[in-house]
Amino acid sequence: MKRSSVRILLGLALLSTGVAAYFAPPQAGEAVVLSERSVKAASPAASSEHEAPSALRPAMPARPDDVLGIKPREFGDERDGASAVFASTQWTPPPKPAQAEPAPPPASQPAPAPQAPPLPFRVLGRFSEDGHDGVFLQHNEQNLVVRVGDTIAEVYKVESFNGTTLTLRYAPLNQQQTLEVGGSN
């Protein structure tokens, strides 16, 4: 079957169920009947010393038909305490009284000089070719081969390579940094 015919059949089934429910006669045993105790409690003359005061007791309906009726509550009606469930609760302590702000630090202390960021290189190894030493570095997932005089990422210039130390200059701040490359193999 196509989807459209299935939808039509389901719609007809739903419609016929609704019509049948609307026109169905009530069955004999379905009516709600209050017990004798509930009827006595509903009448105003049935109060005694052992019952709770009327302010604490929920109001009982005057007629048995009113039992199933839904009635709106008055705002702030707290007879059963249910409205307190949705009351707002503040968990944070109240704010402390405002204090005077501390005076700004004296201007005599100079701001610290800017520093070059840590070197973004990882040493992969070193090599020697025709008397010239070089280092394999990794920078941003790229493998690089650097020698003295090379510029890396237009920011770092390789100045010297002595023993196990590679000296680089951070061009924007003209600061020198060193990188340990380890011993030769």
Foldseek 3Di string as FASTA:
>chain_A
DDPVVVVVVVVVVVVVVVVCVVPPDDDDPPDDDDDPVLQLVQDPVNDDPPDDPPQLDDHRDNDPVCVPDDDDDDVPNCSPPPVVVPDDDDDDDDDDDDDDDDDDDDPPDDDDDDDDDPDQKDWPAKDADPNFIWTWIAHPNDTDIDGQQDDDPVAWHFHDDDAQKTWIAGPVVRDIDIDGRDHHD
